C-alpha cells in the first residue's frame, strides 16, 4: 500500500504527532510505502520519523504556491501513491489533488473540532466533502 500523509507542519501538536505516529507504525510493515509531506515547514517532529518513512517538506509560501503544488503532484505520480490521508487544513490542496487524480482515495479528518463556529469555512468543507 502506498499512502501519503499530508500535514501543514511538523511542529509539536496533536495533528502533527498523530501523523508521525501513524506513519511510523505503517512503515514497520515492509509491504507499505509510507510518505509524509509537510506543506509549510519541517518542525521538530520530523526527527522522530522512522527511517522507512519518506519525508518531504514543500515549503509552501501561500495557498496559491503553484510551484509547491506542482511538486506534490509530481511526487504523487512518481511514487504511484493511491491513498492520501489529510490532516486538518491540508484538505484544500488535497481537494485539488483529488480533482486532478480521480483514482486517488482521499481520507480526511479534522483535529481542531472548532468547525461549528466557522460557518463560511464549514460551508466550503461540506461542498468539497461531496
Protein backbone atom coordinates (compact mmCIF):
# COMPACT_ATOMS: atom_id res chain seq x y z
CA UNK A 1 0.00 0.00 0.00
CA UNK A 2 1.34 3.44 -0.93
CA UNK A 3 -0.05 6.09 1.36
CA UNK A 4 0.74 9.77 1.72
CA UNK A 5 0.07 11.69 4.91
CA UNK A 6 -0.29 15.40 4.36
CA UNK A 7 0.03 17.95 7.16
CA UNK A 8 0.87 21.67 7.28
CA UNK A 9 3.91 21.46 9.59
CA UNK A 10 5.69 19.05 11.87
CA UNK A 11 5.74 21.37 14.86
CA UNK A 12 4.69 19.75 18.11
CA UNK A 13 0.91 19.48 18.01
CA UNK A 14 -1.90 16.95 18.00
CA UNK A 15 -2.41 16.53 14.25
CA UNK A 16 1.32 16.50 13.65
CA UNK A 17 2.01 13.92 16.36
CA UNK A 18 -0.82 11.73 15.06
CA UNK A 19 0.53 11.90 11.50
CA UNK A 20 4.04 10.94 12.68
CA UNK A 21 2.72 8.08 14.87
CA UNK A 22 0.58 6.64 12.07
CA UNK A 23 3.46 6.88 9.58
CA UNK A 24 5.88 5.21 11.98
CA UNK A 25 3.50 2.31 12.63
CA UNK A 26 2.61 1.80 8.95
CA UNK A 27 6.26 1.94 7.89
CA UNK A 28 7.09 -1.11 10.03
CA UNK A 29 5.24 -3.32 7.52
CA UNK A 30 7.54 -3.80 4.52
CA UNK A 31 4.50 -4.06 2.22
CA UNK A 32 3.74 -0.39 2.84
CA UNK A 33 5.41 2.61 1.28
CA UNK A 34 4.72 5.49 3.61
CA UNK A 35 5.16 9.14 2.70
CA UNK A 36 4.75 12.18 4.92
CA UNK A 37 4.68 15.59 3.29
CA UNK A 38 4.72 18.76 5.32
CA UNK A 39 3.32 21.55 3.19
CA UNK A 40 4.73 24.57 5.06
CA UNK A 41 7.69 23.72 7.32
CA UNK A 42 9.54 20.87 8.98
CA UNK A 43 9.32 21.36 12.73
CA UNK A 44 10.95 19.22 15.40
CA UNK A 45 8.76 16.15 14.91
CA UNK A 46 10.48 15.21 11.63
CA UNK A 47 13.38 13.97 13.78
CA UNK A 48 11.09 11.30 15.30
CA UNK A 49 10.19 9.67 11.97
CA UNK A 50 11.31 6.10 11.30
CA UNK A 51 13.94 5.79 8.58
CA UNK A 52 11.40 3.95 6.38
CA UNK A 53 9.10 6.99 6.20
CA UNK A 54 9.69 9.07 3.08
CA UNK A 55 9.57 12.65 4.32
CA UNK A 56 9.42 15.77 2.19
CA UNK A 57 8.83 19.39 3.13
CA UNK A 58 7.31 21.51 0.35
CA UNK A 59 7.87 24.93 1.98
CA UNK A 60 4.59 26.30 0.69
CA UNK A 61 4.55 30.09 0.94
CA UNK A 62 0.81 30.65 0.49
CA UNK A 63 -2.33 28.94 -0.78
CA UNK A 64 -1.50 29.81 -4.39
CA UNK A 65 2.07 28.49 -4.34
CA UNK A 66 1.82 26.70 -7.68
CA UNK A 67 5.47 25.60 -7.60
CA UNK A 68 4.89 23.60 -4.41
CA UNK A 69 1.57 22.30 -5.73
CA UNK A 70 3.20 21.06 -8.93
CA UNK A 71 5.90 19.41 -6.82
CA UNK A 72 3.34 17.46 -4.78
CA UNK A 73 1.52 16.37 -7.94
CA UNK A 74 4.80 15.20 -9.43
CA UNK A 75 5.76 13.25 -6.29
CA UNK A 76 2.35 11.58 -6.11
CA UNK A 77 2.60 10.48 -9.72
CA UNK A 78 6.26 9.44 -9.50
CA UNK A 79 5.68 7.33 -6.39
CA UNK A 80 2.33 5.95 -7.61
CA UNK A 81 0.57 6.99 -4.41
CA UNK A 82 -3.03 5.77 -4.23
CA UNK A 83 -4.16 6.97 -0.79
CA UNK A 84 -3.81 10.48 0.61
CA UNK A 85 -4.54 10.84 4.33
CA UNK A 86 -5.06 14.52 5.07
CA UNK A 87 -4.71 16.07 8.50
CA UNK A 88 -6.65 19.27 9.26
CA UNK A 89 -6.21 22.28 6.97
CA UNK A 90 -4.36 20.48 4.18
CA UNK A 91 -7.79 19.43 2.88
CA UNK A 92 -7.99 22.33 0.46
CA UNK A 93 -4.90 21.34 -1.52
CA UNK A 94 -5.94 17.71 -1.30
CA UNK A 95 -9.27 18.57 -2.85
CA UNK A 96 -7.47 19.88 -5.94
CA UNK A 97 -5.16 16.87 -5.95
CA UNK A 98 -8.23 14.63 -5.99
CA UNK A 99 -9.78 16.64 -8.84
CA UNK A 100 -6.63 16.13 -10.92
CA UNK A 101 -6.15 12.46 -9.89
CA UNK A 102 -9.53 10.80 -9.68
CA UNK A 103 -8.04 7.37 -8.87
CA UNK A 104 -6.68 8.62 -5.54
CA UNK A 105 -8.57 7.78 -2.36
CA UNK A 106 -8.79 10.79 -0.08
CA UNK A 107 -9.14 10.38 3.67
CA UNK A 108 -9.55 13.49 5.80
CA UNK A 109 -10.17 14.24 9.41
CA UNK A 110 -10.06 17.47 11.30
CA UNK A 111 -8.15 17.73 14.55
CA UNK A 112 -9.39 21.13 15.68
CA UNK A 113 -13.03 20.34 16.39
CA UNK A 114 -13.91 24.04 16.07
CA UNK A 115 -15.60 23.97 12.67
CA UNK A 116 -19.08 24.66 14.08
CA UNK A 117 -18.22 28.29 14.81
CA UNK A 118 -16.69 28.89 11.38
CA UNK A 119 -19.81 28.87 9.20
CA UNK A 120 -18.20 30.01 5.93
CA UNK A 121 -15.26 27.61 6.20
CA UNK A 122 -17.65 24.87 7.25
CA UNK A 123 -19.76 25.56 4.15
CA UNK A 124 -16.76 25.08 1.86
CA UNK A 125 -15.76 21.91 3.70
CA UNK A 126 -19.26 20.48 3.19
CA UNK A 127 -19.11 21.27 -0.53
CA UNK A 128 -15.69 19.71 -1.13
CA UNK A 129 -16.56 16.68 1.01
CA UNK A 130 -19.06 15.62 -1.62
